[in-house]
N, C-alpha and C. Protein backbone atom coordinates (compact mmCIF):
# COMPACT_ATOMS: atom_id res chain seq x y z
N TYR A 1 -9.73 -5.10 2.90
CA TYR A 1 -8.63 -5.56 2.82
C TYR A 1 -8.19 -4.64 4.37
N ALA A 2 -6.65 -5.57 4.42
CA ALA A 2 -5.78 -4.76 6.05
C ALA A 2 -4.31 -4.73 5.06
N VAL A 3 -3.60 -4.14 4.70
CA VAL A 3 -2.87 -3.99 3.96
C VAL A 3 -1.43 -3.52 4.81
N GLY A 4 -0.15 -4.80 5.16
CA GLY A 4 1.04 -4.04 6.00
C GLY A 4 0.54 -3.57 7.42
N GLY A 5 1.81 -2.49 7.58
CA GLY A 5 1.29 -1.97 8.56
C GLY A 5 2.54 -1.93 9.76
N GLU A 6 2.78 -1.19 10.98
CA GLU A 6 3.34 -1.14 11.77
C GLU A 6 3.60 -1.54 12.47
N SER A 7 4.17 -2.65 13.65
CA SER A 7 3.80 -3.06 15.29
C SER A 7 4.33 -2.24 16.11
N GLU A 8 3.43 -2.82 16.67
CA GLU A 8 3.83 -1.34 18.38
C GLU A 8 4.77 -2.12 18.73
N ALA A 9 5.12 -3.32 18.72
CA ALA A 9 6.08 -3.89 19.74
C ALA A 9 7.37 -3.75 19.57
N ASP A 10 7.95 -3.91 18.32
CA ASP A 10 9.04 -3.41 18.06
C ASP A 10 9.12 -2.85 16.77
N GLY A 11 7.96 -2.19 16.45
CA GLY A 11 8.19 -1.01 15.49
C GLY A 11 8.45 -1.65 14.12
N ALA A 12 8.54 -3.34 13.98
CA ALA A 12 8.67 -3.66 12.86
C ALA A 12 7.93 -3.27 11.28
N ASN A 13 8.34 -3.16 10.76
CA ASN A 13 7.14 -2.68 9.19
C ASN A 13 6.39 -4.26 8.87
N SER A 14 6.01 -4.40 8.12
CA SER A 14 4.60 -5.46 7.65
C SER A 14 4.28 -5.70 6.42
N ASN A 15 4.43 -6.93 5.58
CA ASN A 15 4.25 -7.01 4.65
C ASN A 15 3.57 -8.07 4.13
N LEU A 16 2.60 -8.11 6.07
CA LEU A 16 1.21 -9.00 5.90
C LEU A 16 -0.91 -8.39 4.87
N VAL A 17 -0.93 -8.85 4.99
CA VAL A 17 -2.10 -8.69 4.42
C VAL A 17 -3.91 -9.82 4.67
N GLU A 18 -4.26 -8.97 4.97
CA GLU A 18 -5.47 -9.82 5.12
C GLU A 18 -6.81 -9.04 4.86
N ARG A 19 -7.47 -10.03 4.50
CA ARG A 19 -9.28 -9.38 3.47
C ARG A 19 -10.61 -10.05 4.64
N TYR A 20 -11.16 -9.29 4.70
CA TYR A 20 -12.44 -9.79 5.08
C TYR A 20 -13.62 -10.03 4.46
N ASP A 21 -13.97 -11.56 4.99
CA ASP A 21 -15.05 -12.43 3.81
C ASP A 21 -16.08 -11.94 4.80
N LEU A 22 -16.97 -11.42 3.62
CA LEU A 22 -18.53 -11.23 4.42
C LEU A 22 -19.23 -11.80 4.07
N ALA A 23 -18.86 -13.31 3.54
CA ALA A 23 -20.31 -14.10 4.23
C ALA A 23 -19.61 -15.31 5.16
N THR A 24 -18.70 -14.93 5.63
CA THR A 24 -18.20 -15.65 7.11
C THR A 24 -17.88 -15.15 7.58
N LYS A 25 -17.64 -13.76 7.78
CA LYS A 25 -18.08 -12.71 8.90
C LYS A 25 -16.75 -12.78 9.94
N ALA A 26 -15.09 -13.37 8.41
CA ALA A 26 -13.85 -13.59 9.13
C ALA A 26 -12.48 -12.88 8.67
N TRP A 27 -11.45 -12.46 8.89
CA TRP A 27 -10.51 -11.70 8.14
C TRP A 27 -9.89 -13.27 7.91
N GLU A 28 -9.40 -12.75 7.18
CA GLU A 28 -8.06 -14.26 6.34
C GLU A 28 -7.31 -13.76 5.29
N GLU A 29 -5.84 -14.40 5.97
CA GLU A 29 -5.35 -14.12 5.50
C GLU A 29 -4.76 -13.60 3.69
N VAL A 30 -3.95 -13.80 3.19
CA VAL A 30 -3.80 -13.71 1.92
C VAL A 30 -2.52 -13.45 1.39
N ALA A 31 -2.00 -13.58 0.77
CA ALA A 31 -0.29 -13.77 -0.30
C ALA A 31 0.05 -12.58 0.40
N PRO A 32 1.75 -12.09 1.15
CA PRO A 32 2.01 -11.08 1.57
C PRO A 32 2.67 -10.26 0.56
N MET A 33 2.60 -8.72 0.79
CA MET A 33 3.07 -7.95 0.08
C MET A 33 4.99 -8.29 -0.14
N ALA A 34 5.95 -7.94 -1.57
CA ALA A 34 7.17 -7.85 -1.56
C ALA A 34 7.65 -7.47 -0.28
N VAL A 35 7.33 -5.67 -0.34
CA VAL A 35 7.74 -5.53 0.15
C VAL A 35 7.04 -5.13 1.78
N GLU A 36 7.92 -4.65 3.04
CA GLU A 36 7.25 -4.03 3.84
C GLU A 36 6.51 -2.95 3.70
N ARG A 37 5.22 -2.90 4.31
CA ARG A 37 4.87 -1.23 3.79
C ARG A 37 4.72 -0.84 5.58
N PHE A 38 4.65 0.31 5.40
CA PHE A 38 3.74 1.11 6.42
C PHE A 38 3.23 2.21 6.09
N ALA A 39 1.58 2.64 6.27
CA ALA A 39 1.05 3.39 5.99
C ALA A 39 1.18 3.90 4.21
N PRO A 40 0.94 2.63 3.50
CA PRO A 40 0.40 3.10 2.43
C PRO A 40 -0.97 2.53 1.88
N ALA A 41 -0.99 3.77 1.10
CA ALA A 41 -2.50 4.15 0.26
C ALA A 41 -3.14 2.90 -0.61
N VAL A 42 -3.85 2.63 -0.05
CA VAL A 42 -4.90 1.69 -1.57
C VAL A 42 -5.73 2.23 -2.34
N ALA A 43 -6.20 1.07 -2.78
CA ALA A 43 -7.36 1.64 -3.47
C ALA A 43 -7.56 0.39 -4.76
N VAL A 44 -8.87 -0.04 -5.45
CA VAL A 44 -9.58 -0.88 -5.97
C VAL A 44 -9.54 -0.19 -7.57
N LEU A 45 -8.68 -1.37 -8.03
CA LEU A 45 -9.25 -1.20 -10.21
C LEU A 45 -8.79 -1.73 -10.54
N ASP A 46 -9.97 -2.08 -11.45
CA ASP A 46 -10.66 -2.91 -12.25
C ASP A 46 -10.58 -4.67 -11.46
N GLY A 47 -11.04 -4.70 -10.38
CA GLY A 47 -10.77 -5.47 -9.42
C GLY A 47 -9.56 -6.42 -9.06
N LYS A 48 -8.78 -5.42 -9.00
CA LYS A 48 -7.05 -5.57 -8.28
C LYS A 48 -6.91 -4.39 -7.74
N LEU A 49 -5.82 -5.17 -6.27
CA LEU A 49 -5.52 -3.98 -4.55
C LEU A 49 -4.69 -3.36 -5.86
N TYR A 50 -4.15 -2.63 -5.48
CA TYR A 50 -3.39 -1.34 -5.48
C TYR A 50 -2.43 -1.00 -4.11
N ALA A 51 -1.61 -1.58 -3.60
CA ALA A 51 -0.75 -0.91 -2.46
C ALA A 51 0.58 0.31 -2.84
N VAL A 52 0.46 1.05 -2.42
CA VAL A 52 1.04 2.27 -3.37
C VAL A 52 1.91 3.53 -1.99
N GLY A 53 2.97 3.48 -2.60
CA GLY A 53 3.63 4.21 -1.67
C GLY A 53 4.07 3.34 0.07
N GLY A 54 3.82 4.37 1.24
CA GLY A 54 4.43 4.47 2.33
C GLY A 54 5.76 4.04 2.50
N TYR A 55 5.90 3.36 4.38
CA TYR A 55 7.60 3.59 4.12
C TYR A 55 7.40 2.04 4.19
N ASN A 56 9.24 1.56 3.88
CA ASN A 56 9.73 0.05 3.88
C ASN A 56 10.19 0.09 5.44
N GLY A 57 10.59 -1.58 5.51
CA GLY A 57 11.58 -1.61 6.97
C GLY A 57 12.50 -1.23 7.30
N GLY A 58 12.97 0.01 6.68
CA GLY A 58 14.04 1.12 6.93
C GLY A 58 13.18 2.37 7.57
N HIS A 59 11.78 2.61 7.04
CA HIS A 59 11.21 3.73 7.19
C HIS A 59 11.85 4.32 6.55
N GLN A 60 11.97 4.16 5.45
CA GLN A 60 12.69 5.39 4.03
C GLN A 60 11.54 5.10 2.69
N THR A 61 11.03 6.38 2.74
CA THR A 61 9.23 7.22 1.99
C THR A 61 9.52 6.22 0.58
N LEU A 62 8.54 5.27 -0.33
CA LEU A 62 8.60 4.39 -1.04
C LEU A 62 8.11 5.32 -2.25
N SER A 63 8.48 4.73 -3.38
CA SER A 63 8.05 5.25 -4.43
C SER A 63 6.83 3.97 -5.52
N SER A 64 7.76 2.75 -4.59
CA SER A 64 6.90 1.54 -5.59
C SER A 64 5.63 1.55 -5.54
N VAL A 65 4.99 0.44 -6.38
CA VAL A 65 3.95 -0.12 -6.57
C VAL A 65 4.01 -1.18 -6.22
N GLU A 66 2.93 -2.08 -5.52
CA GLU A 66 2.29 -3.34 -5.78
C GLU A 66 1.21 -3.56 -6.09
N ARG A 67 0.15 -4.55 -6.84
CA ARG A 67 -0.88 -5.23 -7.48
C ARG A 67 -1.33 -6.18 -7.23
N TYR A 68 -2.30 -6.57 -6.62
CA TYR A 68 -2.63 -7.98 -5.82
C TYR A 68 -4.19 -8.32 -6.73
N ASP A 69 -3.38 -9.38 -6.95
CA ASP A 69 -4.51 -10.33 -8.22
C ASP A 69 -5.92 -11.26 -7.34
N PRO A 70 -6.93 -11.23 -6.88
CA PRO A 70 -7.32 -11.71 -5.55
C PRO A 70 -7.88 -13.62 -6.29
N ALA A 71 -8.06 -13.38 -7.99
CA ALA A 71 -8.23 -14.49 -8.56
C ALA A 71 -6.88 -15.73 -8.57
N VAL A 72 -5.65 -15.11 -8.07
CA VAL A 72 -4.86 -16.03 -8.46
C VAL A 72 -3.94 -15.66 -7.29
N ASP A 73 -4.05 -14.83 -6.03
CA ASP A 73 -3.63 -14.93 -4.52
C ASP A 73 -2.37 -14.46 -4.91
N ALA A 74 -2.18 -13.27 -5.52
CA ALA A 74 -0.06 -13.21 -6.17
C ALA A 74 0.04 -11.61 -6.45
N TRP A 75 0.62 -10.72 -5.65
CA TRP A 75 1.19 -9.43 -5.62
C TRP A 75 2.12 -9.26 -6.67
N GLU A 76 2.62 -8.65 -7.57
CA GLU A 76 3.28 -8.17 -8.64
C GLU A 76 3.40 -6.93 -8.67
N GLU A 77 4.92 -6.35 -8.72
CA GLU A 77 5.30 -5.03 -8.64
C GLU A 77 4.66 -4.51 -9.61
N VAL A 78 4.38 -3.26 -9.63
CA VAL A 78 3.88 -2.28 -11.34
C VAL A 78 4.97 -1.23 -11.33
N ALA A 79 4.60 -0.22 -12.52
CA ALA A 79 5.48 1.04 -12.28
C ALA A 79 5.26 1.83 -11.34
N PRO A 80 6.36 2.42 -10.79
CA PRO A 80 6.72 3.70 -10.08
C PRO A 80 6.20 4.33 -9.98
N MET A 81 6.04 4.81 -8.83
CA MET A 81 5.25 6.46 -8.86
C MET A 81 6.48 7.31 -9.45
N ALA A 82 6.13 8.78 -9.84
CA ALA A 82 7.98 9.58 -10.01
C ALA A 82 8.08 9.93 -8.82
N TYR A 83 7.86 10.09 -7.75
CA TYR A 83 8.37 10.67 -6.44
C TYR A 83 7.93 9.78 -5.36
N GLU A 84 8.33 9.28 -3.86
CA GLU A 84 8.10 8.62 -3.00
C GLU A 84 7.17 9.85 -2.45
N ARG A 85 6.28 8.85 -1.43
CA ARG A 85 5.29 9.60 -1.11
C ARG A 85 4.74 8.50 0.30
N ASP A 86 4.33 9.45 1.70
CA ASP A 86 3.61 8.93 2.70
C ASP A 86 2.62 9.85 3.29
N THR A 87 2.04 9.43 3.86
CA THR A 87 0.53 10.02 4.41
C THR A 87 0.11 10.86 2.36
N HIS A 88 -0.55 10.01 1.90
CA HIS A 88 -1.38 10.33 0.74
C HIS A 88 -2.09 9.12 0.63
N ALA A 89 -2.99 9.97 -0.40
CA ALA A 89 -4.29 9.44 -1.10
C ALA A 89 -4.32 8.81 -2.11
N VAL A 90 -4.69 7.88 -2.86
CA VAL A 90 -4.97 6.94 -3.70
C VAL A 90 -6.42 6.59 -4.05
N ALA A 91 -7.11 6.88 -5.41
CA ALA A 91 -8.36 7.38 -5.86
C ALA A 91 -8.22 6.64 -7.84
N ALA A 92 -9.27 5.61 -7.11
CA ALA A 92 -9.52 4.59 -8.64
C ALA A 92 -10.06 5.14 -9.51
N ARG A 93 -10.40 5.84 -10.10
CA ARG A 93 -11.65 6.81 -11.42
C ARG A 93 -10.84 6.08 -12.84
N CYS A 94 -11.69 6.21 -14.06
CA CYS A 94 -12.07 5.82 -15.06
C CYS A 94 -10.59 5.34 -15.95
N ASN A 95 -10.31 3.73 -14.94
CA ASN A 95 -9.09 3.57 -16.02
C ASN A 95 -7.88 3.88 -15.19
N PHE A 96 -7.72 4.53 -14.22
CA PHE A 96 -6.57 5.37 -13.57
C PHE A 96 -6.58 5.26 -11.97
N ALA A 97 -5.63 4.92 -11.67
CA ALA A 97 -4.78 5.16 -9.93
C ALA A 97 -4.28 6.73 -9.93
N MET A 98 -4.79 7.31 -8.83
CA MET A 98 -4.23 8.32 -8.69
C MET A 98 -4.24 8.89 -7.44
N ALA A 99 -2.73 9.48 -7.18
CA ALA A 99 -1.68 9.08 -5.81
C ALA A 99 -1.98 11.00 -5.51
N VAL A 100 -2.49 11.27 -4.51
CA VAL A 100 -3.15 12.63 -3.81
C VAL A 100 -2.47 13.14 -3.03
N GLY A 101 -1.70 14.21 -3.35
CA GLY A 101 -1.53 15.37 -1.91
C GLY A 101 -0.05 13.95 -1.77
N ALA A 102 0.69 14.57 -0.26
CA ALA A 102 1.83 13.52 0.68
C ALA A 102 2.26 14.52 1.28
N ARG A 103 3.56 13.81 1.48
CA ARG A 103 4.65 14.29 2.79
C ARG A 103 6.08 14.25 2.06
N ARG A 104 6.49 15.00 1.29
CA ARG A 104 8.17 13.97 0.65
C ARG A 104 9.48 14.42 2.09
N GLN A 105 9.75 13.62 1.99
CA GLN A 105 11.06 13.93 2.95
C GLN A 105 12.42 15.14 2.17
N ALA A 106 11.94 15.20 1.32
CA ALA A 106 13.14 16.07 0.25
C ALA A 106 12.74 17.67 0.43
N VAL A 107 11.02 18.10 0.55
CA VAL A 107 10.73 18.72 0.43
C VAL A 107 10.30 19.27 2.05
N ARG A 108 10.34 21.09 1.49
CA ARG A 108 10.77 21.65 3.20
C ARG A 108 9.63 22.91 2.97
N CYS A 109 8.42 23.21 3.71
CA CYS A 109 7.66 23.98 3.29
C CYS A 109 8.12 25.09 4.48
N GLY A 110 7.47 26.52 4.30
CA GLY A 110 7.51 27.43 5.51
C GLY A 110 9.02 28.28 5.49
N ARG A 111 9.40 28.53 6.76
CA ARG A 111 10.54 29.41 6.76
C ARG A 111 11.86 28.63 6.76
């Protein structure tokens, strides 16, 4: 899957999603996310794709999470994270999706 992104031409964020079909060796567009996301973390859990955090179209860090079900080609909003996250990773294991690391705009480290 290729999820969201940012246009080099105008800096606009995208809600578009594509998946690669191994049988046809071609990319195909699937249902778009509800929210434009640049740099979300993604993971697959129980056959569903999760898009977690990132930046929205206004370049604000997100806590929201969307889940894609390929069986019905649709996204749904699920419970958000406790904090906004970008530049993070998500891992799926044992029926959990775990968000790890991040750069939060409200936190300053160092001097």
